[in-house]
Amino acid sequence: MLPRVNFVRAMHFFVLTVLIVVIVPIEINLPFFLAFFCLMVAYPRDERRKQIPSINILEYFDMALLSVKEIARAANQGKFLVFYQPQISSEHWQPLYVEALVRWRRDDGTIIPPSAFLSRINSTKKLDILGRHVIRQSLQDLCLMRRVNPELKLAVNVNISQLETKGFVAFVERELIKNRVKPYNLELELTEVGLDRLSNRAGNALTKLKKLGVSLALDDFGKGGSGKTRLQSMDWDTLKIDRNDLKDLIDNPKSITLLSSVIQLGKANKLRVVAEGVETQMQALTLKAMGVDELQGYLFAKPMNITQTQDWLLSYADDVRARRLRLAQSKSNVSA
């Protein structure tokens, strides 16, 4: 018996497929391609999982087709999760910040990273809804995390289009007051590449946020083409080095030279310098010696949900206290 066919969904993707084929030529038989694609989207989800091994691309297309109301409903239903990754001081190896990172939980429980779906949320209104959800949720979670680490601060990524939406600055201020978080405990990150589209309205929003006391970070520094100009265009607090710049850190002298110039540029502008993508102890020690203030990456922790983050903060604090106690005991034994 054939499964029930969703003709509306099939027609929707048929049209989408035709457009893709027209724009991007393919080397396979066109009728077969269209039939196979429509077959995947027409079957009910349970039948489709049994007969087709990999359908992730369909879920990604779904994101582009979601309406504004559906995005808001997905956020309210907890389908967009906020994970956290700590930023560790290179001076005393304590967590100073956690960066909020959005994830999408599919109906089958699979967690999808932002690189797979954010580009599919293709309107300013949708991005604003999702962005506000992340800010609202992460500020609430920060209150829970600060019970373990009272000095912990929060970093959140924002998009230029969010800054252009009406009432964004007022929204941030309301959420800070609602959660009793001081503005200087929140840092908003913008990518250097994103600043290519910086409008007067977005620039004014950044200025208001800065006056409010919120910190500003220039993320993925080095991807854009005018680093020094970018640093001087706004009153930044933090410079974040792109993780791709660390790949050849140990073995490539040229990479070390370039990275050193970026760090010196940040220091010359009196900025905190944070390195993302730290995966080895050698990288961490090298970056510390080069003057990087904070380190973020899998060496310390992968992105975690709020419960995992709280547990990590507790275990990390206990581990640091134990090491300090062992060090104090060893020093007292030596002096005795």
Protein backbone atom coordinates (compact mmCIF):
# COMPACT_ATOMS: atom_id res chain seq x y z
CA MET A 1 0.00 0.00 0.00
CA LEU A 2 1.38 3.37 -1.01
CA PRO A 3 1.77 6.02 1.73
CA ARG A 4 -0.48 9.07 1.76
CA VAL A 5 0.95 11.81 -0.46
CA ASN A 6 1.11 15.45 0.62
CA PHE A 7 0.37 17.08 -2.75
CA VAL A 8 0.62 20.67 -1.51
CA ARG A 9 4.06 20.04 -0.07
CA ALA A 10 5.11 18.18 -3.20
CA MET A 11 4.00 21.02 -5.49
CA HIS A 12 5.77 23.57 -3.30
CA PHE A 13 9.08 21.79 -3.59
CA PHE A 14 8.51 20.94 -7.25
CA VAL A 15 8.45 24.65 -8.05
CA LEU A 16 11.47 25.25 -5.83
CA THR A 17 13.38 22.45 -7.53
CA VAL A 18 12.60 23.79 -11.01
CA LEU A 19 14.01 27.16 -10.00
CA ILE A 20 17.16 25.52 -8.64
CA VAL A 21 17.64 23.52 -11.82
CA VAL A 22 17.20 26.60 -14.00
CA ILE A 23 19.72 28.57 -11.99
CA VAL A 24 22.20 25.78 -11.30
CA PRO A 25 22.62 23.24 -14.15
CA ILE A 26 22.87 19.62 -13.05
CA GLU A 27 24.41 16.61 -14.71
CA ILE A 28 21.67 14.11 -13.97
CA ASN A 29 18.43 13.31 -15.74
CA LEU A 30 16.01 16.11 -14.92
CA PRO A 31 12.76 14.11 -14.69
CA PHE A 32 14.40 11.57 -12.38
CA PHE A 33 15.81 14.35 -10.19
CA LEU A 34 12.45 16.09 -9.86
CA ALA A 35 10.57 12.86 -9.19
CA PHE A 36 13.02 11.78 -6.49
CA PHE A 37 12.99 15.19 -4.81
CA CYS A 38 9.19 15.37 -4.76
CA LEU A 39 9.01 11.78 -3.48
CA MET A 40 11.13 12.72 -0.47
CA VAL A 41 8.97 15.68 0.53
CA ALA A 42 5.63 14.10 -0.31
CA TYR A 43 5.87 11.08 2.00
CA PRO A 44 4.79 11.51 5.62
CA ARG A 45 7.70 11.96 8.00
CA ASP A 46 7.54 8.47 9.54
CA GLU A 47 7.41 6.72 6.15
CA ARG A 48 10.12 8.96 4.75
CA ARG A 49 12.52 8.08 7.53
CA LYS A 50 12.10 4.36 6.84
CA GLN A 51 12.74 4.59 3.09
CA ILE A 52 15.16 7.48 2.64
CA PRO A 53 18.33 7.41 4.78
CA SER A 54 19.27 11.12 4.73
CA ILE A 55 16.78 13.98 4.54
CA ASN A 56 18.49 16.78 6.46
CA ILE A 57 18.46 19.06 3.42
CA LEU A 58 14.68 19.02 3.48
CA GLU A 59 14.64 20.30 7.02
CA TYR A 60 16.96 23.13 5.97
CA PHE A 61 14.61 24.13 3.15
CA ASP A 62 11.76 24.03 5.68
CA MET A 63 13.43 26.88 7.61
CA ALA A 64 13.23 29.19 4.60
CA LEU A 65 9.54 28.42 4.19
CA LEU A 66 8.54 29.08 7.79
CA SER A 67 6.33 32.10 8.37
CA VAL A 68 7.02 34.75 11.00
CA LYS A 69 4.29 33.25 13.20
CA GLU A 70 5.82 29.78 12.84
CA ILE A 71 9.25 31.09 13.87
CA ALA A 72 7.69 32.71 16.95
CA ARG A 73 5.76 29.52 17.74
CA ALA A 74 8.90 27.40 17.37
CA ALA A 75 10.72 29.71 19.80
CA ASN A 76 7.83 29.54 22.31
CA GLN A 77 7.70 25.75 22.01
CA GLY A 78 11.38 25.46 22.87
CA LYS A 79 12.54 24.27 19.45
CA PHE A 80 15.26 26.93 19.39
CA LEU A 81 17.62 26.14 22.23
CA VAL A 82 20.34 28.32 23.71
CA PHE A 83 23.65 26.59 24.40
CA TYR A 84 26.64 28.15 26.14
CA GLN A 85 30.40 27.96 25.72
CA PRO A 86 32.70 29.49 28.37
CA GLN A 87 35.48 31.99 27.74
CA ILE A 88 38.42 31.36 30.07
CA SER A 89 40.84 33.94 31.44
CA SER A 90 44.40 33.21 30.34
CA GLU A 91 45.65 34.87 33.53
CA HIS A 92 43.97 32.82 36.25
CA TRP A 93 42.12 30.21 34.11
CA GLN A 94 38.68 31.10 35.44
CA PRO A 95 35.54 31.43 33.27
CA LEU A 96 34.72 35.11 32.77
CA TYR A 97 32.04 34.93 30.05
CA VAL A 98 29.74 32.43 28.45
CA GLU A 99 28.78 32.91 24.80
CA ALA A 100 25.15 32.15 23.92
CA LEU A 101 24.83 29.94 20.83
CA VAL A 102 21.47 29.09 19.29
CA ARG A 103 20.56 25.55 18.24
CA TRP A 104 17.48 24.15 16.52
CA ARG A 105 15.89 21.00 17.94
CA ARG A 106 14.06 19.06 15.25
CA ASP A 107 10.93 17.05 16.00
CA ASP A 108 12.99 13.84 16.16
CA GLY A 109 15.25 15.38 18.84
CA THR A 110 18.25 16.00 16.57
CA ILE A 111 20.18 19.17 17.46
CA ILE A 112 21.10 21.27 14.41
CA PRO A 113 23.92 23.90 14.58
CA PRO A 114 23.23 27.49 13.46
CA SER A 115 25.40 27.20 10.35
CA ALA A 116 22.81 24.80 8.95
CA PHE A 117 19.73 26.97 9.36
CA LEU A 118 20.38 30.64 10.15
CA SER A 119 20.99 31.49 6.50
CA ARG A 120 17.58 29.97 5.72
CA ILE A 121 15.75 32.36 8.01
CA ASN A 122 15.53 34.89 5.25
CA SER A 123 13.75 37.94 6.60
CA THR A 124 14.53 40.69 9.07
CA LYS A 125 11.36 39.99 11.06
CA LYS A 126 12.19 36.31 11.51
CA LEU A 127 15.76 37.06 12.54
CA ASP A 128 14.52 39.66 15.02
CA ILE A 129 12.10 37.18 16.62
CA LEU A 130 14.80 34.52 16.94
CA GLY A 131 17.42 37.04 18.11
CA ARG A 132 15.16 38.43 20.81
CA HIS A 133 14.35 34.92 21.97
CA VAL A 134 18.07 34.19 22.39
CA ILE A 135 18.68 37.43 24.33
CA ARG A 136 15.62 36.89 26.54
CA GLN A 137 16.45 33.25 27.31
CA SER A 138 20.18 33.76 27.82
CA LEU A 139 19.65 36.62 30.29
CA GLN A 140 17.28 34.42 32.27
CA ASP A 141 19.85 31.62 32.21
CA LEU A 142 22.63 33.99 33.23
CA CYS A 143 20.82 34.56 36.52
CA LEU A 144 20.94 30.81 37.16
CA MET A 145 24.60 30.53 36.18
CA ARG A 146 25.58 33.45 38.40
CA ARG A 147 24.37 31.46 41.42
CA VAL A 148 27.41 29.29 40.77
CA ASN A 149 29.73 32.04 39.49
CA PRO A 150 28.52 35.50 40.61
CA GLU A 151 31.07 37.27 38.39
CA LEU A 152 30.04 35.54 35.16
CA LYS A 153 29.12 37.69 32.15
CA LEU A 154 27.20 36.95 28.95
CA ALA A 155 28.11 37.38 25.28
CA VAL A 156 25.38 37.23 22.61
CA ASN A 157 25.69 37.43 18.82
CA VAL A 158 23.49 39.97 17.05
CA ASN A 159 22.84 40.65 13.39
CA ILE A 160 22.95 44.06 11.75
CA SER A 161 19.32 43.66 10.69
CA GLN A 162 18.33 43.21 14.35
CA LEU A 163 19.88 46.56 15.19
CA GLU A 164 17.77 48.15 12.46
CA THR A 165 14.46 46.91 13.86
CA LYS A 166 12.32 49.37 15.76
CA GLY A 167 12.61 49.18 19.54
CA PHE A 168 15.62 46.85 19.71
CA VAL A 169 17.59 49.01 22.18
CA ALA A 170 14.50 49.46 24.36
CA PHE A 171 13.96 45.68 24.31
CA VAL A 172 17.52 45.01 25.50
CA GLU A 173 17.13 47.58 28.28
CA ARG A 174 13.81 46.06 29.42
CA GLU A 175 15.27 42.55 29.54
CA LEU A 176 18.29 43.74 31.52
CA ILE A 177 16.02 45.43 34.07
CA LYS A 178 13.62 42.48 34.19
CA ASN A 179 16.44 40.05 34.98
CA ARG A 180 18.35 42.47 37.23
CA VAL A 181 21.47 42.23 35.09
CA LYS A 182 23.78 45.24 34.95
CA PRO A 183 24.38 46.41 31.35
CA TYR A 184 28.15 45.88 31.63
CA ASN A 185 27.49 42.17 32.23
CA LEU A 186 26.13 41.84 28.67
CA GLU A 187 28.31 41.92 25.58
CA LEU A 188 26.84 41.98 22.07
CA GLU A 189 29.00 40.52 19.29
CA LEU A 190 28.93 41.63 15.66
CA THR A 191 30.97 40.05 12.89
CA GLU A 192 33.46 42.19 11.01
CA VAL A 193 31.97 41.06 7.69
CA GLY A 194 28.48 42.05 8.85
CA LEU A 195 29.64 45.62 9.36
CA ASP A 196 29.88 46.00 5.59
CA ARG A 197 26.10 46.50 5.72
CA LEU A 198 26.13 48.89 8.68
CA SER A 199 23.44 51.54 8.17
CA ASN A 200 22.94 54.80 10.02
CA ARG A 201 20.06 53.29 11.99
CA ALA A 202 22.17 50.30 13.08
CA GLY A 203 25.08 52.58 13.94
CA ASN A 204 22.80 54.75 16.08
CA ALA A 205 21.53 51.64 17.87
CA LEU A 206 25.10 50.59 18.68
CA THR A 207 25.84 54.05 20.04
CA LYS A 208 22.74 53.91 22.28
CA LEU A 209 23.64 50.44 23.52
CA LYS A 210 27.14 51.65 24.33
CA LYS A 211 25.74 54.62 26.26
CA LEU A 212 23.46 52.22 28.12
CA GLY A 213 26.58 50.41 29.32
CA VAL A 214 26.44 47.29 27.14
CA SER A 215 29.81 46.06 25.89
CA LEU A 216 30.48 45.61 22.17
CA ALA A 217 32.67 42.92 20.59
CA LEU A 218 34.02 42.72 17.05
CA ASP A 219 33.70 39.03 16.19
CA ASP A 220 35.54 36.94 13.58
CA PHE A 221 38.15 39.65 13.23
CA GLY A 222 40.30 39.17 10.16
CA LYS A 223 37.57 38.01 7.79
CA GLY A 224 36.86 41.56 6.64
CA GLY A 225 39.22 43.62 4.56
CA SER A 226 39.71 46.75 6.67
CA GLY A 227 40.50 45.67 10.21
CA LYS A 228 42.11 48.86 11.53
CA THR A 229 39.35 51.01 10.07
CA ARG A 230 36.72 48.80 11.70
CA LEU A 231 38.35 49.09 15.10
CA GLN A 232 38.30 52.87 14.86
CA SER A 233 34.73 53.07 13.56
CA MET A 234 33.12 52.25 16.91
CA ASP A 235 33.95 52.26 20.60
CA TRP A 236 34.60 48.53 20.82
CA ASP A 237 35.45 46.68 24.04
CA THR A 238 36.53 43.30 22.70
CA LEU A 239 38.23 41.83 19.65
CA LYS A 240 37.54 38.15 18.90
CA ILE A 241 40.00 36.29 16.70
CA ASP A 242 38.45 33.98 14.12
CA ARG A 243 38.95 30.27 14.86
CA ASN A 244 40.35 29.69 11.36
CA ASP A 245 43.37 31.82 12.27
CA LEU A 246 44.44 29.24 14.87
CA LYS A 247 44.67 26.22 12.57
CA ASP A 248 48.37 26.63 11.73
CA LEU A 249 49.31 28.43 14.92
CA ILE A 250 52.00 26.01 16.08
CA ASP A 251 53.59 24.86 12.82
CA ASN A 252 53.40 27.92 10.58
CA PRO A 253 55.67 30.88 11.49
CA LYS A 254 53.80 33.12 9.06
CA SER A 255 50.54 32.35 10.85
CA ILE A 256 52.10 33.29 14.17
CA THR A 257 53.36 36.59 12.72
CA LEU A 258 49.94 37.51 11.34
CA LEU A 259 48.17 36.53 14.55
CA SER A 260 50.65 38.52 16.61
CA SER A 261 49.93 41.63 14.54
CA VAL A 262 46.18 41.22 15.18
CA ILE A 263 46.74 40.83 18.92
CA GLN A 264 49.01 43.89 19.00
CA LEU A 265 46.39 45.86 17.09
CA GLY A 266 43.80 44.96 19.69
CA LYS A 267 46.11 45.85 22.56
CA ALA A 268 47.01 49.17 20.92
CA ASN A 269 43.29 50.00 20.93
CA LYS A 270 42.97 48.88 24.58
CA LEU A 271 40.64 45.98 23.77
CA ARG A 272 40.16 42.60 25.40
CA VAL A 273 41.42 40.00 22.95
CA VAL A 274 39.58 36.67 22.83
CA ALA A 275 40.65 33.66 20.75
CA GLU A 276 37.98 31.22 19.55
CA GLY A 277 38.52 27.61 18.52
CA VAL A 278 41.20 26.71 21.06
CA GLU A 279 41.50 22.92 21.00
CA THR A 280 44.93 22.04 22.41
CA GLN A 281 46.95 22.96 25.46
CA MET A 282 49.81 24.06 23.23
CA GLN A 283 47.53 26.53 21.48
CA ALA A 284 46.31 27.87 24.82
CA LEU A 285 49.82 28.39 26.21
CA THR A 286 51.05 29.97 22.97
CA LEU A 287 48.10 32.39 22.86
CA LYS A 288 48.61 33.27 26.51
CA ALA A 289 52.27 34.06 25.82
CA MET A 290 51.21 36.21 22.85
CA GLY A 291 48.98 38.33 25.04
CA VAL A 292 45.48 36.92 24.41
CA ASP A 293 43.23 37.69 27.39
CA GLU A 294 40.59 34.97 27.06
CA LEU A 295 40.37 31.56 25.41
CA GLN A 296 37.33 29.75 24.09
CA GLY A 297 37.11 26.31 22.56
CA TYR A 298 36.77 22.55 22.94
CA LEU A 299 39.90 22.40 25.10
CA PHE A 300 37.74 23.73 27.93
CA ALA A 301 34.17 22.82 26.96
CA LYS A 302 31.88 22.19 24.03
CA PRO A 303 28.66 24.24 23.76
CA MET A 304 26.30 23.04 26.51
CA ASN A 305 22.68 23.54 27.52
CA ILE A 306 21.89 25.46 30.70
CA THR A 307 21.87 22.40 32.97
CA GLN A 308 25.16 21.11 31.57
CA THR A 309 26.68 24.59 31.87
CA GLN A 310 25.72 24.86 35.54
CA ASP A 311 27.21 21.43 36.22
CA TRP A 312 30.36 22.37 34.30
CA LEU A 313 30.75 25.60 36.29
CA LEU A 314 30.43 23.67 39.55
CA SER A 315 32.90 20.95 38.56
CA TYR A 316 35.35 23.45 37.09
CA ALA A 317 35.28 25.55 40.28
CA ASP A 318 35.80 22.45 42.42
CA ASP A 319 38.71 21.36 40.22
CA VAL A 320 40.39 24.78 40.48
CA ARG A 321 39.91 24.84 44.26
CA ALA A 322 41.42 21.35 44.54
CA ARG A 323 44.45 22.34 42.49
CA ARG A 324 44.98 25.46 44.60
CA LEU A 325 44.72 23.38 47.78
CA ARG A 326 47.28 20.87 46.47
CA LEU A 327 49.59 23.74 45.50
CA ALA A 328 49.24 25.37 48.94
CA GLN A 329 49.94 22.03 50.65
CA SER A 330 53.03 21.44 48.51
CA LYS A 331 54.33 24.92 49.34
CA SER A 332 53.78 24.38 53.07
CA ASN A 333 55.60 21.03 52.90
CA VAL A 334 58.54 22.69 51.19
CA SER A 335 58.73 25.48 53.77
CA ALA A 336 58.51 22.93 56.62
